C-alpha atoms as a PDB file:
ATOM      1  CA  MET A   1     -83.591  50.876 -34.088  1.00  0.00           C
ATOM      2  CA  LEU A   2     -80.405  52.530 -32.759  1.00  0.00           C
ATOM      3  CA  ARG A   3     -80.502  50.330 -29.649  1.00  0.00           C
ATOM      4  CA  ARG A   4     -80.642  47.128 -31.737  1.00  0.00           C
ATOM      5  CA  ILE A   5     -77.724  48.252 -33.918  1.00  0.00           C
ATOM      6  CA  LEU A   6     -75.711  49.117 -30.794  1.00  0.00           C
ATOM      7  CA  ILE A   7     -76.441  45.722 -29.192  1.00  0.00           C
ATOM      8  CA  SER A   8     -75.394  43.949 -32.393  1.00  0.00           C
ATOM      9  CA  PHE A   9     -72.179  45.963 -32.573  1.00  0.00           C
ATOM     10  CA  ILE A  10     -71.275  45.205 -28.939  1.00  0.00           C
ATOM     11  CA  PHE A  11     -71.820  41.460 -29.484  1.00  0.00           C
ATOM     12  CA  PHE A  12     -69.775  41.562 -32.691  1.00  0.00           C
ATOM     13  CA  ILE A  13     -66.812  43.229 -30.976  1.00  0.00           C
ATOM     14  CA  GLY A  14     -67.010  40.929 -27.977  1.00  0.00           C
ATOM     15  CA  LEU A  15     -67.366  37.682 -29.908  1.00  0.00           C
ATOM     16  CA  SER A  16     -65.020  38.396 -32.807  1.00  0.00           C
ATOM     17  CA  SER A  17     -62.074  38.114 -30.415  1.00  0.00           C
ATOM     18  CA  PHE A  18     -63.237  34.565 -29.614  1.00  0.00           C
ATOM     19  CA  THR A  19     -63.446  31.821 -32.236  1.00  0.00           C
ATOM     20  CA  PHE A  20     -65.910  31.994 -35.147  1.00  0.00           C
ATOM     21  CA  SER A  21     -69.869  28.360 -39.517  1.00  0.00           C
ATOM     22  CA  ALA A  22     -73.378  27.422 -39.031  1.00  0.00           C
ATOM     23  CA  PRO A  23     -76.590  28.209 -40.911  1.00  0.00           C
ATOM     24  CA  CYS A  24     -77.551  31.881 -41.025  1.00  0.00           C
ATOM     25  CA  TYR A  25     -81.233  30.875 -40.617  1.00  0.00           C
ATOM     26  CA  GLY A  26     -82.677  33.654 -42.782  1.00  0.00           C
ATOM     27  CA  THR A  27     -84.598  36.677 -41.513  1.00  0.00           C
ATOM     28  CA  LYS A  28     -87.921  35.088 -40.482  1.00  0.00           C
ATOM     29  CA  MET A  29     -87.984  35.236 -36.680  1.00  0.00           C
ATOM     30  CA  PRO A  30     -90.625  34.257 -34.100  1.00  0.00           C
ATOM     31  CA  LYS A  31     -92.536  37.097 -32.494  1.00  0.00           C
ATOM     32  CA  LYS A  32     -92.518  37.569 -28.740  1.00  0.00           C
ATOM     33  CA  GLY A  33     -93.730  34.371 -27.055  1.00  0.00           C
ATOM     34  CA  GLU A  34     -93.867  32.394 -30.330  1.00  0.00           C
ATOM     35  CA  TRP A  35     -92.060  29.109 -31.080  1.00  0.00           C
ATOM     36  CA  PHE A  36     -90.627  27.807 -34.343  1.00  0.00           C
ATOM     37  CA  TRP A  37     -89.846  24.057 -34.491  1.00  0.00           C
ATOM     38  CA  GLY A  38     -88.139  22.248 -37.354  1.00  0.00           C
ATOM     39  CA  LEU A  39     -85.862  19.566 -38.768  1.00  0.00           C
ATOM     40  CA  GLU A  40     -82.503  20.504 -40.299  1.00  0.00           C
ATOM     41  CA  VAL A  41     -79.643  18.870 -42.193  1.00  0.00           C
ATOM     42  CA  ASN A  42     -76.414  20.893 -42.157  1.00  0.00           C
ATOM     43  CA  SER A  43     -73.303  19.883 -44.131  1.00  0.00           C
ATOM     44  CA  VAL A  44     -69.797  21.293 -44.150  1.00  0.00           C
ATOM     45  CA  ILE A  45     -68.474  19.863 -47.421  1.00  0.00           C
ATOM     46  CA  LYS A  46     -64.947  21.184 -47.007  1.00  0.00           C
ATOM     47  CA  ARG A  47     -63.073  23.265 -44.439  1.00  0.00           C
ATOM     48  CA  ASN A  48     -59.306  23.776 -44.517  1.00  0.00           C
ATOM     49  CA  LEU A  49     -57.249  23.848 -41.339  1.00  0.00           C
ATOM     50  CA  GLU A  50     -54.263  26.092 -40.731  1.00  0.00           C
ATOM     51  CA  GLY A  51     -50.684  25.046 -41.453  1.00  0.00           C
ATOM     52  CA  ARG A  52     -50.278  21.394 -42.366  1.00  0.00           C
ATOM     53  CA  ALA A  53     -53.185  20.127 -40.257  1.00  0.00           C
ATOM     54  CA  GLY A  54     -55.201  19.113 -43.350  1.00  0.00           C
ATOM     55  CA  LYS A  55     -58.945  19.484 -43.881  1.00  0.00           C
ATOM     56  CA  PHE A  56     -62.245  18.013 -42.688  1.00  0.00           C
ATOM     57  CA  ARG A  57     -65.937  17.676 -43.473  1.00  0.00           C
ATOM     58  CA  SER A  58     -68.986  17.116 -41.317  1.00  0.00           C
ATOM     59  CA  SER A  59     -72.762  16.666 -41.508  1.00  0.00           C
ATOM     60  CA  GLN A  60     -75.388  16.965 -38.789  1.00  0.00           C
ATOM     61  CA  VAL A  61     -79.116  16.303 -38.387  1.00  0.00           C
ATOM     62  CA  PHE A  62     -80.988  18.487 -35.894  1.00  0.00           C
ATOM     63  CA  LEU A  63     -84.294  19.103 -34.217  1.00  0.00           C
ATOM     64  CA  THR A  64     -84.395  22.914 -34.150  1.00  0.00           C
ATOM     65  CA  GLY A  65     -86.260  25.323 -31.912  1.00  0.00           C
ATOM     66  CA  SER A  66     -86.452  29.126 -31.903  1.00  0.00           C
ATOM     67  CA  PHE A  67     -88.212  31.250 -29.278  1.00  0.00           C
ATOM     68  CA  GLY A  68     -89.149  34.913 -29.572  1.00  0.00           C
ATOM     69  CA  VAL A  69     -87.948  36.766 -26.480  1.00  0.00           C
ATOM     70  CA  LEU A  70     -88.993  40.053 -28.045  1.00  0.00           C
ATOM     71  CA  ASP A  71     -90.419  40.855 -31.467  1.00  0.00           C
ATOM     72  CA  TRP A  72     -86.868  41.747 -32.574  1.00  0.00           C
ATOM     73  CA  LEU A  73     -84.849  39.198 -30.534  1.00  0.00           C
ATOM     74  CA  CYS A  74     -84.963  35.393 -30.588  1.00  0.00           C
ATOM     75  CA  PHE A  75     -82.914  32.513 -29.210  1.00  0.00           C
ATOM     76  CA  ASP A  76     -82.126  29.462 -31.355  1.00  0.00           C
ATOM     77  CA  GLY A  77     -81.285  25.933 -30.174  1.00  0.00           C
ATOM     78  CA  LYS A  78     -80.631  22.530 -31.739  1.00  0.00           C
ATOM     79  CA  LEU A  79     -80.226  18.913 -30.632  1.00  0.00           C
ATOM     80  CA  GLY A  80     -79.155  16.043 -32.864  1.00  0.00           C
ATOM     81  CA  TYR A  81     -76.224  14.009 -34.046  1.00  0.00           C
ATOM     82  CA  GLY A  82     -73.389  14.312 -36.554  1.00  0.00           C
ATOM     83  CA  PHE A  83     -70.157  12.866 -37.896  1.00  0.00           C
ATOM     84  CA  VAL A  84     -66.708  14.256 -38.670  1.00  0.00           C
ATOM     85  CA  LYS A  85     -64.337  13.037 -41.398  1.00  0.00           C
ATOM     86  CA  TYR A  86     -60.857  14.400 -40.795  1.00  0.00           C
ATOM     87  CA  HIS A  87     -58.133  14.151 -43.461  1.00  0.00           C
ATOM     88  CA  PRO A  88     -54.630  14.968 -42.149  1.00  0.00           C
ATOM     89  CA  LEU A  89     -52.016  15.749 -44.792  1.00  0.00           C
ATOM     90  CA  ASP A  90     -49.817  12.836 -43.701  1.00  0.00           C
ATOM     91  CA  PHE A  91     -52.554  10.232 -43.085  1.00  0.00           C
ATOM     92  CA  GLU A  92     -55.638   8.711 -44.707  1.00  0.00           C
ATOM     93  CA  GLU A  93     -59.057  10.164 -43.896  1.00  0.00           C
ATOM     94  CA  ILE A  94     -60.336   9.262 -40.413  1.00  0.00           C
ATOM     95  CA  ASP A  95     -64.076   8.622 -40.204  1.00  0.00           C
ATOM     96  CA  TYR A  96     -65.466   9.539 -36.776  1.00  0.00           C
ATOM     97  CA  LYS A  97     -68.965   8.029 -36.662  1.00  0.00           C
ATOM     98  CA  GLU A  98     -72.178   9.809 -35.696  1.00  0.00           C
ATOM     99  CA  SER A  99     -72.834  10.852 -32.132  1.00  0.00           C
ATOM    100  CA  PHE A 100     -74.178  13.839 -30.183  1.00  0.00           C
ATOM    101  CA  ALA A 101     -74.313  17.321 -31.702  1.00  0.00           C
ATOM    102  CA  GLY A 102     -75.860  20.477 -30.292  1.00  0.00           C
ATOM    103  CA  ALA A 103     -76.105  24.157 -31.113  1.00  0.00           C
ATOM    104  CA  TYR A 104     -77.266  27.500 -29.773  1.00  0.00           C
ATOM    105  CA  GLY A 105     -77.424  31.119 -30.881  1.00  0.00           C
ATOM    106  CA  PHE A 106     -79.498  34.259 -31.181  1.00  0.00           C
ATOM    107  CA  ARG A 107     -80.724  36.703 -33.826  1.00  0.00           C
ATOM    108  CA  ILE A 108     -81.470  40.427 -33.661  1.00  0.00           C
ATOM    109  CA  LYS A 109     -83.705  42.149 -36.214  1.00  0.00           C
ATOM    110  CA  ILE A 110     -82.006  45.484 -36.817  1.00  0.00           C
ATOM    111  CA  TYR A 111     -84.118  46.758 -39.720  1.00  0.00           C
ATOM    112  CA  ASP A 112     -87.653  46.202 -41.023  1.00  0.00           C
ATOM    113  CA  SER A 113     -88.850  48.450 -43.849  1.00  0.00           C
ATOM    114  CA  PRO A 114     -92.257  50.167 -43.536  1.00  0.00           C
ATOM    115  CA  PHE A 115     -93.857  47.745 -46.010  1.00  0.00           C
ATOM    116  CA  ASN A 116     -92.038  44.646 -44.624  1.00  0.00           C
ATOM    117  CA  ASP A 117     -90.322  44.007 -47.946  1.00  0.00           C
ATOM    118  CA  PHE A 118     -86.715  44.423 -46.737  1.00  0.00           C
ATOM    119  CA  LYS A 119     -85.362  43.059 -43.458  1.00  0.00           C
ATOM    120  CA  ALA A 120     -81.867  42.987 -41.967  1.00  0.00           C
ATOM    121  CA  VAL A 121     -80.834  40.551 -39.225  1.00  0.00           C
ATOM    122  CA  PHE A 122     -77.641  40.108 -37.206  1.00  0.00           C
ATOM    123  CA  GLY A 123     -76.987  36.617 -35.834  1.00  0.00           C
ATOM    124  CA  PHE A 124     -74.607  34.547 -33.739  1.00  0.00           C
ATOM    125  CA  GLN A 125     -74.597  30.736 -34.018  1.00  0.00           C
ATOM    126  CA  HIS A 126     -72.457  27.933 -32.566  1.00  0.00           C
ATOM    127  CA  ILE A 127     -72.480  24.204 -33.377  1.00  0.00           C
ATOM    128  CA  SER A 128     -70.561  21.545 -31.444  1.00  0.00           C
ATOM    129  CA  VAL A 129     -70.235  17.982 -32.792  1.00  0.00           C
ATOM    130  CA  HIS A 130     -68.962  15.128 -30.571  1.00  0.00           C
ATOM    131  CA  PRO A 131     -68.573  12.016 -32.758  1.00  0.00           C
ATOM    132  CA  HIS A 132     -67.519   8.584 -31.486  1.00  0.00           C
ATOM    133  CA  HIS A 133     -63.816   8.017 -30.859  1.00  0.00           C
ATOM    134  CA  LYS A 134     -61.659   5.872 -33.123  1.00  0.00           C
ATOM    135  CA  ILE A 135     -59.018   3.249 -32.295  1.00  0.00           C
ATOM    136  CA  ILE A 136     -56.160   3.345 -34.825  1.00  0.00           C
ATOM    137  CA  SER A 137     -53.074   1.113 -34.350  1.00  0.00           C
ATOM    138  CA  GLY A 138     -54.091   0.633 -30.730  1.00  0.00           C
ATOM    139  CA  ILE A 139     -54.259   4.383 -30.083  1.00  0.00           C
ATOM    140  CA  LYS A 140     -57.501   6.089 -29.066  1.00  0.00           C
ATOM    141  CA  ARG A 141     -58.234   9.193 -31.135  1.00  0.00           C
ATOM    142  CA  ARG A 142     -61.108  11.590 -30.521  1.00  0.00           C
ATOM    143  CA  VAL A 143     -62.243  14.900 -32.018  1.00  0.00           C
ATOM    144  CA  ILE A 144     -64.775  17.645 -31.334  1.00  0.00           C
ATOM    145  CA  PHE A 145     -65.872  19.974 -34.105  1.00  0.00           C
ATOM    146  CA  ASP A 146     -66.421  23.570 -32.916  1.00  0.00           C
ATOM    147  CA  ASP A 147     -68.250  25.746 -35.444  1.00  0.00           C
ATOM    148  CA  TRP A 148     -68.808  29.472 -34.801  1.00  0.00           C
ATOM    149  CA  GLN A 149     -70.405  32.222 -36.865  1.00  0.00           C
ATOM    150  CA  LEU A 150     -71.444  35.860 -36.895  1.00  0.00           C
ATOM    151  CA  SER A 151     -73.668  36.962 -39.768  1.00  0.00           C
ATOM    152  CA  PHE A 152     -75.409  40.008 -41.202  1.00  0.00           C
ATOM    153  CA  ILE A 153     -78.061  39.221 -43.819  1.00  0.00           C
ATOM    154  CA  VAL A 154     -80.702  41.115 -45.787  1.00  0.00           C
ATOM    155  CA  SER A 155     -83.891  39.613 -47.265  1.00  0.00           C
ATOM    156  CA  TYR A 156     -86.572  40.646 -49.749  1.00  0.00           C
ATOM    157  CA  SER A 157     -90.060  39.285 -49.118  1.00  0.00           C
ATOM    158  CA  LYS A 158     -92.311  40.574 -51.912  1.00  0.00           C
ATOM    159  CA  LEU A 159     -91.936  37.564 -54.206  1.00  0.00           C
ATOM    160  CA  ASP A 160     -94.750  35.011 -54.335  1.00  0.00           C
ATOM    161  CA  LYS A 161     -93.958  32.242 -51.816  1.00  0.00           C
ATOM    162  CA  PHE A 162     -90.218  33.023 -51.918  1.00  0.00           C
ATOM    163  CA  THR A 163     -88.086  35.132 -49.580  1.00  0.00           C
ATOM    164  CA  PRO A 164     -84.475  35.240 -50.825  1.00  0.00           C
ATOM    165  CA  TYR A 165     -81.653  36.551 -48.622  1.00  0.00           C
ATOM    166  CA  LEU A 166     -77.950  37.272 -48.894  1.00  0.00           C
ATOM    167  CA  GLY A 167     -75.298  38.430 -46.471  1.00  0.00           C
ATOM    168  CA  ILE A 168     -71.774  38.341 -45.141  1.00  0.00           C
ATOM    169  CA  LYS A 169     -70.423  36.313 -42.255  1.00  0.00           C
ATOM    170  CA  VAL A 170     -67.365  35.799 -40.117  1.00  0.00           C
ATOM    171  CA  SER A 171     -66.829  32.150 -39.266  1.00  0.00           C
ATOM    172  CA  ARG A 172     -64.365  29.655 -37.892  1.00  0.00           C
ATOM    173  CA  GLY A 173     -64.521  25.875 -37.737  1.00  0.00           C
ATOM    174  CA  ASP A 174     -61.981  24.182 -35.448  1.00  0.00           C
ATOM    175  CA  LEU A 175     -61.189  20.570 -34.653  1.00  0.00           C
ATOM    176  CA  ILE A 176     -60.125  19.720 -31.104  1.00  0.00           C
ATOM    177  CA  GLU A 177     -58.199  16.431 -31.251  1.00  0.00           C
ATOM    178  CA  TRP A 178     -57.078  14.063 -28.509  1.00  0.00           C
ATOM    179  CA  HIS A 179     -54.237  11.842 -29.726  1.00  0.00           C
ATOM    180  CA  ASN A 180     -52.039   9.832 -27.363  1.00  0.00           C
ATOM    181  CA  GLY A 181     -53.725  11.671 -24.510  1.00  0.00           C
ATOM    182  CA  GLU A 182     -52.634  15.075 -25.792  1.00  0.00           C
ATOM    183  CA  ARG A 183     -55.170  17.781 -26.613  1.00  0.00           C
ATOM    184  CA  ASN A 184     -54.633  19.898 -29.700  1.00  0.00           C
ATOM    185  CA  ARG A 185     -56.927  22.576 -31.150  1.00  0.00           C
ATOM    186  CA  MET A 186     -56.513  22.788 -34.930  1.00  0.00           C
ATOM    187  CA  LYS A 187     -57.892  26.102 -36.138  1.00  0.00           C
ATOM    188  CA  SER A 188     -59.373  26.801 -39.543  1.00  0.00           C
ATOM    189  CA  GLU A 189     -57.250  28.923 -41.857  1.00  0.00           C
ATOM    190  CA  ASP A 190     -57.015  32.556 -40.759  1.00  0.00           C
ATOM    191  CA  SER A 191     -57.236  33.654 -44.408  1.00  0.00           C
ATOM    192  CA  GLN A 192     -60.648  32.002 -44.720  1.00  0.00           C
ATOM    193  CA  ILE A 193     -62.794  33.573 -41.995  1.00  0.00           C
ATOM    194  CA  LEU A 194     -64.819  35.999 -44.153  1.00  0.00           C
ATOM    195  CA  GLY A 195     -67.581  34.352 -46.133  1.00  0.00           C
ATOM    196  CA  VAL A 196     -70.896  34.785 -47.920  1.00  0.00           C
ATOM    197  CA  GLY A 197     -74.194  33.139 -47.052  1.00  0.00           C
ATOM    198  CA  GLY A 198     -77.350  33.126 -49.118  1.00  0.00           C
ATOM    199  CA  GLY A 199     -80.542  31.195 -49.608  1.00  0.00           C
ATOM    200  CA  PHE A 200     -84.308  31.416 -49.579  1.00  0.00           C
ATOM    201  CA  ASP A 201     -87.443  30.474 -47.661  1.00  0.00           C
ATOM    202  CA  PHE A 202     -90.172  28.742 -49.670  1.00  0.00           C
ATOM    203  CA  TYR A 203     -93.611  28.934 -48.033  1.00  0.00           C
ATOM    204  CA  PHE A 204     -96.085  26.074 -48.173  1.00  0.00           C
ATOM    205  CA  SER A 205     -98.298  28.179 -45.902  1.00  0.00           C
ATOM    206  CA  GLN A 206     -97.910  31.076 -43.477  1.00  0.00           C
ATOM    207  CA  ARG A 207     -96.893  28.605 -40.768  1.00  0.00           C
ATOM    208  CA  CYS A 208     -94.808  26.091 -42.720  1.00  0.00           C
ATOM    209  CA  TRP A 209     -91.779  26.780 -44.901  1.00  0.00           C
ATOM    210  CA  LEU A 210     -88.621  25.230 -46.334  1.00  0.00           C
ATOM    211  CA  ASN A 211     -85.242  26.950 -45.994  1.00  0.00           C
ATOM    212  CA  ILE A 212     -82.341  26.196 -48.354  1.00  0.00           C
ATOM    213  CA  GLU A 213     -78.978  27.884 -47.810  1.00  0.00           C
ATOM    214  CA  ALA A 214     -75.441  27.829 -49.241  1.00  0.00           C
ATOM    215  CA  ARG A 215     -72.265  29.232 -47.682  1.00  0.00           C
ATOM    216  CA  PHE A 216     -68.945  29.747 -49.418  1.00  0.00           C
ATOM    217  CA  LEU A 217     -65.558  31.543 -49.577  1.00  0.00           C
ATOM    218  CA  ASP A 218     -64.640  30.699 -45.975  1.00  0.00           C
ATOM    219  CA  GLU A 219     -66.019  27.168 -46.400  1.00  0.00           C
ATOM    220  CA  LYS A 220     -68.082  25.010 -48.724  1.00  0.00           C
ATOM    221  CA  ALA A 221     -71.286  24.290 -46.819  1.00  0.00           C
ATOM    222  CA  GLY A 222     -75.060  24.258 -46.988  1.00  0.00           C
ATOM    223  CA  SER A 223     -78.225  23.403 -45.090  1.00  0.00           C
ATOM    224  CA  VAL A 224     -81.875  22.433 -45.582  1.00  0.00           C
ATOM    225  CA  ARG A 225     -84.502  23.014 -42.877  1.00  0.00           C
ATOM    226  CA  LEU A 226     -88.275  22.465 -42.661  1.00  0.00           C
ATOM    227  CA  THR A 227     -89.930  24.708 -40.059  1.00  0.00           C
ATOM    228  CA  TYR A 228     -93.400  25.069 -38.538  1.00  0.00           C
ATOM    229  CA  ALA A 229     -94.592  28.028 -36.454  1.00  0.00           C
ATOM    230  CA  PHE A 230     -96.642  27.361 -33.309  1.00  0.00           C
END
């Protein structure tokens, strides 16, 4: 237990100095050698950028996979596509059409109560969305959405078919823009990095469940994922 908490703390310190919003996933993790596969829709409804850079929104569709390295450690990955709609303060909204999106991360189970009713999980997740470029007034514009998150969530699993969870997170969603050949990273507002994430797993069976999640304060976002354990 102490080793898992220490590992989580070291990752938090190391990564919090980098950039940090992605689904928290919940606390159900694959055991050692087990795979979870699923389909996910993730939507960032609104995220403000610092200064006068404006705001943006984005949605992605993913094939998800999680692998249990140990009973208390798993790696998460995603492949899919997504769009970005960027609204500068001094310009109309720019619709960057769907193209490649990918994601990766890990989760560490740091607490499991003796009767398996309460669990606590620390997670790190990153999403990168690369939509198609846009030609506006003869000028090629392109963006990449970088979405980072650290989370700590707690779940309760003694309700029939439902496992609700709630936690805190540190996140950051940046847009990297190329305009007139110049690269500019527009960071999300520094005052909006601390957020709350919560949701639930609904079980159709022991191997198949639906996850619904909402995230707010730092952003307005949510996700839906259907998962099957192999």
